[in-house]
C-alpha atoms as a PDB file:
ATOM      1  CA  MET A   1    -200.636  -5.908 105.104  1.00  0.00           C
ATOM      2  CA  ARG A   2    -200.674  -4.892 101.324  1.00  0.00           C
ATOM      3  CA  SER A   3    -198.322  -5.917  98.755  1.00  0.00           C
ATOM      4  CA  VAL A   4    -196.985  -3.353  97.003  1.00  0.00           C
ATOM      5  CA  SER A   5    -194.403  -3.951  93.483  1.00  0.00           C
ATOM      6  CA  LEU A   6    -191.241  -3.020  94.432  1.00  0.00           C
ATOM      7  CA  ALA A   7    -191.892  -0.772  91.188  1.00  0.00           C
ATOM      8  CA  LYS A   8    -194.000   0.764  92.744  1.00  0.00           C
ATOM      9  CA  LEU A   9    -192.222   1.627  95.669  1.00  0.00           C
ATOM     10  CA  GLY A  10    -190.160   3.457  92.936  1.00  0.00           C
ATOM     11  CA  LEU A  11    -187.962   6.757  95.519  1.00  0.00           C
ATOM     12  CA  GLY A  12    -189.005   4.714  98.835  1.00  0.00           C
ATOM     13  CA  ILE A  13    -187.121   1.651  98.634  1.00  0.00           C
ATOM     14  CA  ALA A  14    -184.579   4.508  98.923  1.00  0.00           C
ATOM     15  CA  ALA A  15    -186.189   5.675 101.220  1.00  0.00           C
ATOM     16  CA  VAL A  16    -185.951   2.392 102.877  1.00  0.00           C
ATOM     17  CA  ALA A  17    -182.835   2.221 102.561  1.00  0.00           C
ATOM     18  CA  ALA A  18    -181.968   4.762 104.442  1.00  0.00           C
ATOM     19  CA  ALA A  19    -184.103   4.418 107.112  1.00  0.00           C
ATOM     20  CA  ALA A  20    -182.635   0.829 107.644  1.00  0.00           C
ATOM     21  CA  ALA A  21    -179.093   3.030 108.287  1.00  0.00           C
ATOM     22  CA  LEU A  22    -180.365   5.729 110.400  1.00  0.00           C
ATOM     23  CA  SER A  23    -181.658   2.653 112.091  1.00  0.00           C
ATOM     24  CA  ALA A  24    -178.254   0.457 112.188  1.00  0.00           C
ATOM     25  CA  CYS A  25    -176.552   3.728 113.920  1.00  0.00           C
ATOM     26  CA  ALA A  26    -179.092   4.035 116.467  1.00  0.00           C
ATOM     27  CA  ASP A  27    -178.242   0.737 117.882  1.00  0.00           C
ATOM     28  CA  VAL A  28    -174.810   1.693 119.039  1.00  0.00           C
ATOM     29  CA  PRO A  29    -174.744   3.934 121.607  1.00  0.00           C
ATOM     30  CA  LEU A  30    -172.428   7.493 121.434  1.00  0.00           C
ATOM     31  CA  ILE A  31    -172.079   7.028 125.563  1.00  0.00           C
ATOM     32  CA  GLY A  32    -172.013   4.474 127.935  1.00  0.00           C
ATOM     33  CA  ALA A  33    -174.993   2.875 129.569  1.00  0.00           C
ATOM     34  CA  ASN A  34    -174.316   5.246 132.420  1.00  0.00           C
ATOM     35  CA  HIS A  35    -173.866   8.410 130.819  1.00  0.00           C
ATOM     36  CA  GLY A  36    -169.569   9.311 130.962  1.00  0.00           C
ATOM     37  CA  GLU A  37    -168.270   5.672 130.760  1.00  0.00           C
ATOM     38  CA  ALA A  38    -165.792   4.137 128.870  1.00  0.00           C
ATOM     39  CA  LEU A  39    -166.454   3.505 125.677  1.00  0.00           C
ATOM     40  CA  PRO A  40    -164.135   0.473 123.931  1.00  0.00           C
ATOM     41  CA  GLY A  41    -161.016   2.570 122.445  1.00  0.00           C
ATOM     42  CA  ASP A  42    -161.379   5.598 125.672  1.00  0.00           C
ATOM     43  CA  THR A  43    -157.694   5.804 127.000  1.00  0.00           C
ATOM     44  CA  THR A  44    -159.261   9.893 128.085  1.00  0.00           C
ATOM     45  CA  ALA A  45    -158.808  10.131 132.414  1.00  0.00           C
ATOM     46  CA  THR A  46    -162.643   7.296 132.906  1.00  0.00           C
ATOM     47  CA  GLY A  47    -160.934   5.217 130.304  1.00  0.00           C
ATOM     48  CA  THR A  48    -158.171   3.034 131.129  1.00  0.00           C
ATOM     49  CA  ALA A  49    -155.270   0.762 128.206  1.00  0.00           C
ATOM     50  CA  ALA A  50    -156.621  -2.878 130.011  1.00  0.00           C
ATOM     51  CA  ALA A  51    -160.272  -1.569 129.049  1.00  0.00           C
ATOM     52  CA  ASP A  52    -159.545  -0.921 126.908  1.00  0.00           C
ATOM     53  CA  ALA A  53    -158.248  -4.344 125.600  1.00  0.00           C
ATOM     54  CA  SER A  54    -160.366  -6.075 127.942  1.00  0.00           C
ATOM     55  CA  ALA A  55    -163.201  -4.656 125.665  1.00  0.00           C
ATOM     56  CA  GLN A  56    -161.897  -5.229 122.424  1.00  0.00           C
ATOM     57  CA  ALA A  57    -160.995  -8.971 123.293  1.00  0.00           C
ATOM     58  CA  GLY A  58    -164.021  -9.353 124.687  1.00  0.00           C
ATOM     59  CA  ALA A  59    -165.613  -7.537 121.246  1.00  0.00           C
ATOM     60  CA  ARG A  60    -163.448 -10.123 118.906  1.00  0.00           C
ATOM     61  CA  ALA A  61    -164.936 -13.559 121.353  1.00  0.00           C
ATOM     62  CA  GLY A  62    -168.686 -12.562 120.754  1.00  0.00           C
ATOM     63  CA  ARG A  63    -167.944 -11.989 116.601  1.00  0.00           C
ATOM     64  CA  ALA A  64    -165.881 -14.334 116.077  1.00  0.00           C
ATOM     65  CA  ALA A  65    -169.653 -16.384 118.099  1.00  0.00           C
ATOM     66  CA  MET A  66    -171.805 -15.114 116.092  1.00  0.00           C
ATOM     67  CA  ALA A  67    -172.497 -16.033 111.611  1.00  0.00           C
ATOM     68  CA  LYS A  68    -170.465 -14.789 109.553  1.00  0.00           C
ATOM     69  CA  TYR A  69    -174.009 -13.504 107.017  1.00  0.00           C
ATOM     70  CA  SER A  70    -177.494 -13.761 107.464  1.00  0.00           C
ATOM     71  CA  SER A  71    -180.867 -12.707 106.329  1.00  0.00           C
ATOM     72  CA  SER A  72    -180.083  -9.704 108.342  1.00  0.00           C
ATOM     73  CA  SER A  73    -176.576  -9.110 105.846  1.00  0.00           C
ATOM     74  CA  THR A  74    -177.301  -6.340 103.540  1.00  0.00           C
ATOM     75  CA  MET A  75    -178.650  -7.289 100.740  1.00  0.00           C
ATOM     76  CA  ALA A  76    -175.246  -5.665  98.909  1.00  0.00           C
ATOM     77  CA  VAL A  77    -172.967  -7.905 100.670  1.00  0.00           C
ATOM     78  CA  LEU A  78    -175.565 -11.380  99.853  1.00  0.00           C
ATOM     79  CA  LEU A  79    -175.387 -10.919  96.417  1.00  0.00           C
ATOM     80  CA  ASP A  80    -171.527 -10.021  95.969  1.00  0.00           C
ATOM     81  CA  THR A  81    -169.705 -13.060  97.963  1.00  0.00           C
ATOM     82  CA  PRO A  82    -170.727 -15.822  95.788  1.00  0.00           C
ATOM     83  CA  ALA A  83    -171.160 -18.554  97.709  1.00  0.00           C
ATOM     84  CA  CYS A  84    -173.479 -16.166  99.748  1.00  0.00           C
ATOM     85  CA  ARG A  85    -175.254 -15.060  96.034  1.00  0.00           C
ATOM     86  CA  ALA A  86    -176.030 -19.104  95.828  1.00  0.00           C
ATOM     87  CA  VAL A  87    -177.731 -19.825  98.599  1.00  0.00           C
ATOM     88  CA  LEU A  88    -180.441 -16.404  97.582  1.00  0.00           C
ATOM     89  CA  GLU A  89    -180.381 -18.270  94.341  1.00  0.00           C
ATOM     90  CA  LYS A  90    -181.280 -21.654  95.986  1.00  0.00           C
ATOM     91  CA  HIS A  91    -184.337 -20.482  97.367  1.00  0.00           C
ATOM     92  CA  ILE A  92    -185.880 -17.543  96.634  1.00  0.00           C
ATOM     93  CA  PRO A  93    -184.160 -17.398  92.454  1.00  0.00           C
ATOM     94  CA  SER A  94    -187.114 -14.811  91.356  1.00  0.00           C
ATOM     95  CA  VAL A  95    -186.198 -12.565  93.534  1.00  0.00           C
ATOM     96  CA  VAL A  96    -182.540 -12.325  93.437  1.00  0.00           C
ATOM     97  CA  ASN A  97    -182.568 -12.979  89.237  1.00  0.00           C
ATOM     98  CA  SER A  98    -185.316  -9.609  89.476  1.00  0.00           C
ATOM     99  CA  ASN A  99    -184.449  -6.758  87.669  1.00  0.00           C
ATOM    100  CA  GLN A 100    -186.052  -4.954  90.748  1.00  0.00           C
ATOM    101  CA  ILE A 101    -183.162  -6.260  93.471  1.00  0.00           C
ATOM    102  CA  SER A 102    -180.547  -3.411  92.222  1.00  0.00           C
ATOM    103  CA  MET A 103    -183.123  -1.098  93.962  1.00  0.00           C
ATOM    104  CA  ALA A 104    -182.650  -3.481  96.976  1.00  0.00           C
ATOM    105  CA  ARG A 105    -179.286  -3.208  98.221  1.00  0.00           C
ATOM    106  CA  GLY A 106    -179.063  -1.159 100.745  1.00  0.00           C
ATOM    107  CA  ILE A 107    -181.236  -3.313 102.393  1.00  0.00           C
ATOM    108  CA  SER A 108    -181.862  -6.718 104.734  1.00  0.00           C
ATOM    109  CA  LEU A 109    -182.274  -8.841 103.935  1.00  0.00           C
ATOM    110  CA  LYS A 110    -184.815  -8.969 105.868  1.00  0.00           C
ATOM    111  CA  GLN A 111    -185.996  -5.885 105.100  1.00  0.00           C
ATOM    112  CA  VAL A 112    -187.318  -7.069 101.660  1.00  0.00           C
ATOM    113  CA  ALA A 113    -188.852  -9.989 102.843  1.00  0.00           C
ATOM    114  CA  GLY A 114    -191.097  -7.282 104.587  1.00  0.00           C
ATOM    115  CA  PHE A 115    -192.126  -6.002 101.422  1.00  0.00           C
ATOM    116  CA  GLY A 116    -196.044  -8.532 100.118  1.00  0.00           C
ATOM    117  CA  SER A 117    -194.553  -8.521  96.667  1.00  0.00           C
ATOM    118  CA  SER A 118    -191.394 -10.053  97.413  1.00  0.00           C
ATOM    119  CA  GLY A 119    -192.655 -13.521  98.118  1.00  0.00           C
ATOM    120  CA  ILE A 120    -190.014 -14.561 101.118  1.00  0.00           C
ATOM    121  CA  THR A 121    -192.089 -16.107 103.783  1.00  0.00           C
ATOM    122  CA  PRO A 122    -190.811 -17.463 107.114  1.00  0.00           C
ATOM    123  CA  GLN A 123    -189.239 -20.712 105.947  1.00  0.00           C
ATOM    124  CA  GLN A 124    -187.883 -20.131 103.321  1.00  0.00           C
ATOM    125  CA  LEU A 125    -185.612 -17.093 105.381  1.00  0.00           C
ATOM    126  CA  ALA A 126    -185.213 -19.350 107.822  1.00  0.00           C
ATOM    127  CA  ALA A 127    -183.818 -22.093 106.018  1.00  0.00           C
ATOM    128  CA  ILE A 128    -181.099 -19.073 103.841  1.00  0.00           C
ATOM    129  CA  ASP A 129    -180.127 -17.662 107.341  1.00  0.00           C
ATOM    130  CA  ARG A 130    -179.413 -22.074 108.000  1.00  0.00           C
ATOM    131  CA  ASP A 131    -177.517 -22.192 104.500  1.00  0.00           C
ATOM    132  CA  LEU A 132    -175.052 -18.405 105.059  1.00  0.00           C
ATOM    133  CA  ALA A 133    -174.426 -18.868 109.232  1.00  0.00           C
ATOM    134  CA  ARG A 134    -171.955 -22.329 107.741  1.00  0.00           C
ATOM    135  CA  ILE A 135    -170.188 -20.087 104.835  1.00  0.00           C
ATOM    136  CA  ARG A 136    -166.971 -18.400 106.639  1.00  0.00           C
END
């Protein structure tokens, strides 16, 4: 992978952030897998209030089991949450204190790590994820 500094990327970082936002939306189906099955919140003729309540309960349980913060969180969330920022400063202080980090606020830490110039290693990402998972 060719290493390119964030400064040389210029508007490229904005394009990456926009693409990341679009890809996050693309993972959310607009209709059910069976094309027409009821989605949570749908109480039309194809959905029921009971199915809606069951789906919402399952979603809440799934979210509770997941870590609140991770390297998949946006840099804005990680930098603006004091406990998360402390984790980043512990593991990757040069990235956190970079004058270019504001360009990456809309993308995840994993995406930032994808830029060779970030210098973030897979080992650092794993350690950051372990520490972020402890934050509630």
